[in-house]
N, C-alpha and C. Protein backbone atom coordinates (compact mmCIF):
# COMPACT_ATOMS: atom_id res chain seq x y z
N MET A 1 15.31 22.83 4.08
CA MET A 1 15.83 21.79 3.22
C MET A 1 15.52 20.43 3.85
N PRO A 2 14.92 19.51 3.10
CA PRO A 2 14.56 18.22 3.69
C PRO A 2 15.78 17.39 4.01
N SER A 3 15.69 16.67 5.10
CA SER A 3 16.79 15.78 5.44
C SER A 3 16.58 14.46 4.73
N HIS A 4 17.66 13.79 4.41
CA HIS A 4 17.60 12.52 3.71
C HIS A 4 17.97 11.39 4.66
N SER A 5 17.40 10.23 4.40
CA SER A 5 17.71 9.07 5.22
C SER A 5 19.12 8.60 4.92
N SER A 6 19.52 7.57 5.64
CA SER A 6 20.86 7.03 5.43
C SER A 6 20.95 6.24 4.13
N GLN A 7 19.81 6.05 3.45
CA GLN A 7 19.82 5.31 2.19
C GLN A 7 20.53 6.15 1.13
N SER A 8 21.41 5.53 0.40
CA SER A 8 22.15 6.21 -0.65
C SER A 8 21.22 6.56 -1.80
N PHE A 9 21.52 7.65 -2.50
CA PHE A 9 20.73 8.01 -3.66
C PHE A 9 20.88 6.96 -4.76
N ASP A 10 21.96 6.20 -4.76
CA ASP A 10 22.18 5.18 -5.77
C ASP A 10 21.44 3.88 -5.45
N ALA A 11 21.04 3.70 -4.21
CA ALA A 11 20.36 2.47 -3.81
C ALA A 11 18.93 2.49 -4.35
N PRO A 12 18.47 1.35 -4.85
CA PRO A 12 17.09 1.32 -5.34
C PRO A 12 16.10 1.44 -4.19
N SER A 13 14.98 2.08 -4.47
CA SER A 13 13.95 2.20 -3.46
C SER A 13 13.25 0.86 -3.29
N TRP A 14 12.48 0.74 -2.22
CA TRP A 14 11.73 -0.50 -2.02
C TRP A 14 10.77 -0.73 -3.18
N LYS A 15 10.24 0.35 -3.74
CA LYS A 15 9.32 0.21 -4.86
C LYS A 15 10.01 -0.36 -6.09
N ASP A 16 11.24 0.09 -6.35
CA ASP A 16 12.00 -0.43 -7.49
C ASP A 16 12.26 -1.92 -7.33
N CYS A 17 12.65 -2.32 -6.13
CA CYS A 17 12.93 -3.73 -5.87
C CYS A 17 11.66 -4.57 -5.98
N TYR A 18 10.57 -4.03 -5.48
CA TYR A 18 9.27 -4.71 -5.53
C TYR A 18 8.83 -4.93 -6.97
N VAL A 19 8.89 -3.89 -7.77
CA VAL A 19 8.48 -3.98 -9.17
C VAL A 19 9.39 -4.93 -9.93
N ALA A 20 10.68 -4.90 -9.64
CA ALA A 20 11.62 -5.80 -10.31
C ALA A 20 11.27 -7.26 -10.03
N ALA A 21 10.89 -7.56 -8.80
CA ALA A 21 10.52 -8.93 -8.44
C ALA A 21 9.25 -9.35 -9.17
N LEU A 22 8.28 -8.47 -9.27
CA LEU A 22 7.02 -8.80 -9.92
C LEU A 22 7.15 -8.93 -11.43
N GLN A 23 8.06 -8.17 -12.02
CA GLN A 23 8.18 -8.16 -13.48
C GLN A 23 9.19 -9.16 -14.03
N GLU A 24 9.98 -9.76 -13.17
CA GLU A 24 11.01 -10.71 -13.63
C GLU A 24 10.35 -11.91 -14.30
N THR A 25 10.89 -12.31 -15.43
CA THR A 25 10.36 -13.47 -16.15
C THR A 25 11.22 -14.71 -15.97
N ASP A 26 12.44 -14.54 -15.50
CA ASP A 26 13.33 -15.68 -15.25
C ASP A 26 13.01 -16.22 -13.87
N HIS A 27 12.36 -17.38 -13.84
CA HIS A 27 11.89 -17.95 -12.57
C HIS A 27 13.03 -18.27 -11.60
N LEU A 28 14.22 -18.44 -12.12
CA LEU A 28 15.36 -18.73 -11.24
C LEU A 28 15.85 -17.47 -10.51
N LYS A 29 15.56 -16.31 -11.05
CA LYS A 29 15.99 -15.05 -10.44
C LYS A 29 14.97 -14.50 -9.45
N ILE A 30 13.73 -14.92 -9.57
CA ILE A 30 12.65 -14.33 -8.77
C ILE A 30 12.87 -14.47 -7.26
N PRO A 31 13.27 -15.66 -6.75
CA PRO A 31 13.43 -15.75 -5.28
C PRO A 31 14.42 -14.73 -4.70
N ALA A 32 15.53 -14.49 -5.38
CA ALA A 32 16.50 -13.52 -4.89
C ALA A 32 15.93 -12.10 -4.95
N LEU A 33 15.16 -11.82 -5.99
CA LEU A 33 14.55 -10.49 -6.10
C LEU A 33 13.47 -10.29 -5.04
N ILE A 34 12.73 -11.35 -4.74
CA ILE A 34 11.74 -11.26 -3.67
C ILE A 34 12.43 -10.98 -2.34
N ALA A 35 13.51 -11.70 -2.06
CA ALA A 35 14.24 -11.50 -0.81
C ALA A 35 14.76 -10.07 -0.70
N ARG A 36 15.30 -9.55 -1.78
CA ARG A 36 15.83 -8.18 -1.77
C ARG A 36 14.70 -7.18 -1.54
N ALA A 37 13.58 -7.38 -2.21
CA ALA A 37 12.44 -6.48 -2.04
C ALA A 37 11.92 -6.53 -0.61
N GLU A 38 11.83 -7.73 -0.05
CA GLU A 38 11.37 -7.85 1.34
C GLU A 38 12.30 -7.10 2.29
N GLN A 39 13.60 -7.22 2.07
CA GLN A 39 14.56 -6.51 2.92
C GLN A 39 14.36 -5.01 2.83
N GLU A 40 14.21 -4.51 1.61
CA GLU A 40 14.04 -3.06 1.42
C GLU A 40 12.72 -2.57 2.03
N ILE A 41 11.67 -3.36 1.88
CA ILE A 41 10.37 -2.98 2.44
C ILE A 41 10.43 -2.94 3.96
N ILE A 42 11.05 -3.95 4.55
CA ILE A 42 11.16 -3.99 6.02
C ILE A 42 12.02 -2.84 6.52
N ALA A 43 13.10 -2.55 5.81
CA ALA A 43 13.95 -1.42 6.20
C ALA A 43 13.17 -0.11 6.15
N ARG A 44 12.37 0.06 5.10
CA ARG A 44 11.57 1.28 4.99
C ARG A 44 10.50 1.35 6.08
N ALA A 45 9.90 0.21 6.39
CA ALA A 45 8.90 0.18 7.46
C ALA A 45 9.52 0.61 8.79
N HIS A 46 10.75 0.15 9.05
CA HIS A 46 11.45 0.57 10.28
C HIS A 46 11.71 2.07 10.26
N GLN A 47 12.09 2.61 9.09
CA GLN A 47 12.31 4.05 8.99
C GLN A 47 11.03 4.81 9.30
N LEU A 48 9.92 4.35 8.73
CA LEU A 48 8.65 5.03 8.99
C LEU A 48 8.25 4.94 10.46
N PHE A 49 8.46 3.78 11.04
CA PHE A 49 8.11 3.57 12.45
C PHE A 49 8.89 4.51 13.36
N ASN A 50 10.16 4.73 13.01
CA ASN A 50 11.02 5.57 13.84
C ASN A 50 10.96 7.05 13.48
N SER A 51 10.22 7.40 12.44
CA SER A 51 10.15 8.80 12.04
C SER A 51 9.12 9.54 12.88
N LYS A 52 9.25 10.84 12.92
CA LYS A 52 8.34 11.65 13.71
C LYS A 52 7.00 11.85 13.02
N SER A 53 7.02 11.80 11.71
CA SER A 53 5.76 11.97 10.97
C SER A 53 5.39 10.65 10.30
N ALA A 54 4.23 10.17 10.62
CA ALA A 54 3.77 8.90 10.06
C ALA A 54 3.20 9.12 8.67
N ASN A 55 3.52 8.22 7.78
CA ASN A 55 2.97 8.25 6.43
C ASN A 55 2.11 7.00 6.30
N LEU A 56 0.83 7.15 6.63
CA LEU A 56 -0.07 6.01 6.66
C LEU A 56 -0.24 5.36 5.29
N GLU A 57 -0.29 6.17 4.24
CA GLU A 57 -0.46 5.62 2.90
C GLU A 57 0.73 4.75 2.51
N GLU A 58 1.93 5.22 2.80
CA GLU A 58 3.10 4.41 2.46
C GLU A 58 3.14 3.16 3.34
N GLY A 59 2.75 3.28 4.59
CA GLY A 59 2.71 2.11 5.46
C GLY A 59 1.77 1.04 4.92
N GLU A 60 0.61 1.47 4.43
CA GLU A 60 -0.33 0.52 3.83
C GLU A 60 0.24 -0.08 2.55
N ALA A 61 0.93 0.73 1.77
CA ALA A 61 1.55 0.23 0.54
C ALA A 61 2.62 -0.81 0.86
N LEU A 62 3.37 -0.58 1.93
CA LEU A 62 4.39 -1.55 2.35
C LEU A 62 3.74 -2.87 2.74
N ASP A 63 2.66 -2.79 3.51
CA ASP A 63 1.94 -4.01 3.90
C ASP A 63 1.42 -4.76 2.68
N ASP A 64 0.83 -4.02 1.75
CA ASP A 64 0.30 -4.64 0.54
C ASP A 64 1.42 -5.29 -0.29
N ALA A 65 2.54 -4.61 -0.39
CA ALA A 65 3.67 -5.14 -1.17
C ALA A 65 4.20 -6.43 -0.54
N LEU A 66 4.34 -6.44 0.78
CA LEU A 66 4.80 -7.67 1.44
C LEU A 66 3.83 -8.81 1.22
N TYR A 67 2.55 -8.52 1.28
CA TYR A 67 1.53 -9.54 1.05
C TYR A 67 1.66 -10.12 -0.36
N MET A 68 1.82 -9.25 -1.35
CA MET A 68 1.95 -9.72 -2.73
C MET A 68 3.22 -10.53 -2.94
N LEU A 69 4.32 -10.11 -2.34
CA LEU A 69 5.57 -10.86 -2.47
C LEU A 69 5.46 -12.24 -1.83
N ARG A 70 4.80 -12.31 -0.71
CA ARG A 70 4.61 -13.61 -0.05
C ARG A 70 3.70 -14.51 -0.88
N ALA A 71 2.69 -13.93 -1.52
CA ALA A 71 1.82 -14.71 -2.40
C ALA A 71 2.61 -15.23 -3.60
N LEU A 72 3.46 -14.39 -4.17
CA LEU A 72 4.30 -14.81 -5.30
C LEU A 72 5.23 -15.93 -4.86
N LYS A 73 5.82 -15.79 -3.68
CA LYS A 73 6.72 -16.81 -3.16
C LYS A 73 5.99 -18.15 -2.99
N GLU A 74 4.77 -18.09 -2.47
CA GLU A 74 3.96 -19.30 -2.31
C GLU A 74 3.68 -19.95 -3.66
N CYS A 75 3.35 -19.16 -4.65
CA CYS A 75 3.09 -19.70 -5.99
C CYS A 75 4.32 -20.41 -6.54
N LEU A 76 5.48 -19.81 -6.35
CA LEU A 76 6.72 -20.41 -6.85
C LEU A 76 7.02 -21.72 -6.14
N GLN A 77 6.72 -21.80 -4.85
CA GLN A 77 7.00 -23.01 -4.08
C GLN A 77 6.10 -24.17 -4.48
N HIS A 78 4.94 -23.88 -5.03
CA HIS A 78 4.00 -24.93 -5.39
C HIS A 78 4.13 -25.37 -6.84
N ARG A 79 5.06 -24.80 -7.57
CA ARG A 79 5.27 -25.20 -8.95
C ARG A 79 6.47 -26.13 -9.02
N SER A 80 6.38 -27.07 -9.92
CA SER A 80 7.51 -27.99 -10.12
C SER A 80 8.44 -27.38 -11.15
N PRO A 81 9.73 -27.77 -11.16
CA PRO A 81 10.68 -27.23 -12.13
C PRO A 81 10.22 -27.41 -13.58
N GLY A 82 9.49 -28.48 -13.87
CA GLY A 82 9.00 -28.70 -15.22
C GLY A 82 7.97 -27.69 -15.67
N ASP A 83 7.33 -27.00 -14.72
CA ASP A 83 6.33 -25.99 -15.06
C ASP A 83 6.97 -24.77 -15.72
N TYR A 84 8.28 -24.60 -15.57
CA TYR A 84 8.95 -23.43 -16.09
C TYR A 84 9.45 -23.62 -17.51
N ALA A 85 9.31 -24.80 -18.06
CA ALA A 85 9.78 -25.06 -19.43
C ALA A 85 8.92 -24.26 -20.40
N ALA A 86 9.57 -23.75 -21.42
CA ALA A 86 8.85 -22.94 -22.42
C ALA A 86 8.10 -23.81 -23.39
């Protein structure tokens, strides 16, 4: 029987948080979603680092996700509040 991490089954996975940040359309909510996704990704990276079996594909996916979130954050920082008007 596989052992489970300390993460609750009710807690969203890093992938869920990542996708939520990318798909959010309310520009005021995006920074908080990015921060949450970054936290979840870093926590998962620590789990992988400390595990006995390395999952290289997931490790690469974590790196890619962090890169994309940082790019999104940069884009948001370079836009003025007036850019968000409909």
